[in-house]
Protein backbone atom coordinates (compact mmCIF):
# COMPACT_ATOMS: atom_id res chain seq x y z
CA MET A 1 0.00 0.00 0.00
CA GLY A 2 3.02 2.26 0.06
CA ARG A 3 2.53 3.00 3.77
CA SER A 4 4.22 2.03 7.00
CA PRO A 5 2.53 -0.36 9.45
CA ASP A 6 1.98 2.59 11.81
CA GLN A 7 -0.06 4.33 9.09
CA ILE A 8 -2.20 1.21 8.50
CA VAL A 9 -2.87 -0.29 11.93
CA GLY A 10 -6.07 1.15 13.37
CA ALA A 11 -7.11 2.93 10.16
CA ASP A 12 -10.53 2.27 8.66
CA ASP A 13 -11.29 1.56 4.99
CA GLU A 14 -12.00 5.20 4.14
CA GLN A 15 -8.71 6.33 5.67
CA LEU A 16 -6.80 3.64 3.78
CA PHE A 17 -8.52 3.74 0.39
CA GLY A 18 -10.29 7.11 0.22
CA PRO A 19 -14.01 7.88 0.65
CA GLN A 20 -15.45 6.15 -2.42
CA ALA A 21 -13.43 2.92 -2.31
CA GLY A 22 -13.63 2.86 1.49
CA ARG A 23 -17.42 3.00 1.45
CA LEU A 24 -17.53 0.23 -1.16
CA LYS A 25 -15.30 -1.97 1.00
CA GLN A 26 -17.49 -1.27 4.02
CA GLU A 27 -20.58 -2.26 2.00
CA HIS A 28 -18.87 -5.51 1.00
CA GLY A 29 -18.21 -6.17 4.68
CA ARG A 30 -21.84 -5.54 5.60
CA ARG A 31 -22.97 -7.98 2.88
CA VAL A 32 -20.62 -10.68 4.15
CA MET A 33 -21.77 -10.23 7.73
CA ALA A 34 -25.46 -10.24 6.71
CA SER A 35 -25.08 -13.37 4.57
CA GLY A 36 -22.99 -15.27 7.10
CA PHE A 37 -20.86 -16.65 4.27
CA ALA A 38 -17.42 -15.88 2.81
CA GLN A 39 -17.33 -13.80 -0.37
CA THR A 40 -14.58 -12.79 -2.79
CA TYR A 41 -14.34 -9.40 -4.50
CA GLU A 42 -12.01 -8.12 -7.19
CA GLU A 43 -11.32 -4.40 -6.92
CA THR A 44 -9.07 -1.62 -8.07
CA VAL A 45 -7.73 0.63 -5.31
CA ALA A 46 -5.82 3.82 -5.90
CA PRO A 47 -4.38 5.78 -3.02
CA PRO A 48 -1.45 6.17 -3.13
CA ILE A 49 -0.70 3.55 -5.84
CA THR A 50 -3.24 2.04 -8.23
CA ARG A 51 -3.47 -1.70 -7.64
CA ALA A 52 -5.80 -4.53 -8.65
CA ILE A 53 -6.63 -6.68 -5.67
CA THR A 54 -8.76 -9.66 -4.83
CA SER A 55 -10.25 -9.68 -1.35
CA ARG A 56 -11.76 -12.67 0.42
CA ARG A 57 -13.84 -11.77 3.45
CA ARG A 58 -15.40 -14.15 5.90
CA PRO A 59 -17.65 -13.61 8.90
CA TYR A 60 -16.30 -14.48 12.32
CA HIS A 61 -18.79 -16.47 14.38
CA GLY A 62 -18.77 -16.15 18.16
CA ALA A 63 -19.20 -18.98 20.67
CA ASP A 64 -22.98 -18.63 20.31
CA GLY A 65 -22.75 -19.19 16.54
CA GLN A 66 -23.81 -15.65 15.70
CA VAL A 67 -21.75 -13.40 13.41
CA ALA A 68 -19.53 -11.37 15.72
CA GLY A 69 -17.12 -9.76 13.28
CA LEU A 70 -15.34 -9.96 9.97
CA PHE A 71 -11.90 -10.96 8.79
CA GLY A 72 -10.27 -11.31 5.43
CA ILE A 73 -7.22 -11.23 3.26
CA SER A 74 -6.40 -9.23 0.15
CA ARG A 75 -3.89 -10.12 -2.53
CA ASP A 76 -2.28 -7.80 -5.03
CA ILE A 77 -3.08 -9.17 -8.50
CA THR A 78 -1.84 -6.15 -10.47
CA SER A 79 0.90 -8.10 -12.27
CA GLN A 80 -1.54 -10.85 -13.21
CA LYS A 81 -3.99 -8.28 -14.63
CA ARG A 82 -1.21 -6.61 -16.62
CA MET A 83 -0.16 -9.96 -18.11
CA GLU A 84 -3.78 -10.74 -19.01
CA GLN A 85 -4.04 -7.36 -20.78
CA ILE A 86 -0.78 -7.97 -22.65
CA ALA A 87 -2.11 -11.36 -23.78
CA ARG A 88 -5.40 -9.80 -24.97
CA ASP A 89 -3.51 -7.02 -26.79
CA SER A 90 -1.19 -9.52 -28.48
CA GLU A 91 -4.18 -11.45 -29.82
CA LYS A 92 -5.42 -8.27 -31.51
CA ALA A 93 -2.05 -7.26 -32.99
CA PRO A 94 -1.18 -8.39 -36.52
CA ALA A 95 1.44 -11.11 -36.67
CA ALA A 96 4.96 -9.84 -37.26
CA GLY A 97 7.19 -11.50 -39.81
CA PRO A 98 9.08 -10.99 -43.05
CA TRP A 99 5.85 -11.27 -45.03
CA THR A 100 4.28 -8.15 -43.44
CA ALA A 101 4.76 -4.66 -44.78
């Protein structure tokens, strides 16, 4: 994220990702908690560096079986997305060779 651990620990989604992306992440969290099931989201986040990420969020169930919180993990998939775009672009490009003008 381009930030030190001290800048991340204790910060909420809006502080980390900006108002728009932060609210979207909070909505995802509410959906996961309401459903009671894990969900995976693919997102693009910007501040301070634009990254493509996949986030898997899962509800935490307390001793009584009720949803008591939320936890998850996010992975940076920016390189994978770039490679996919390069592959798509190469399929569109005309083949190079001695027979082309």
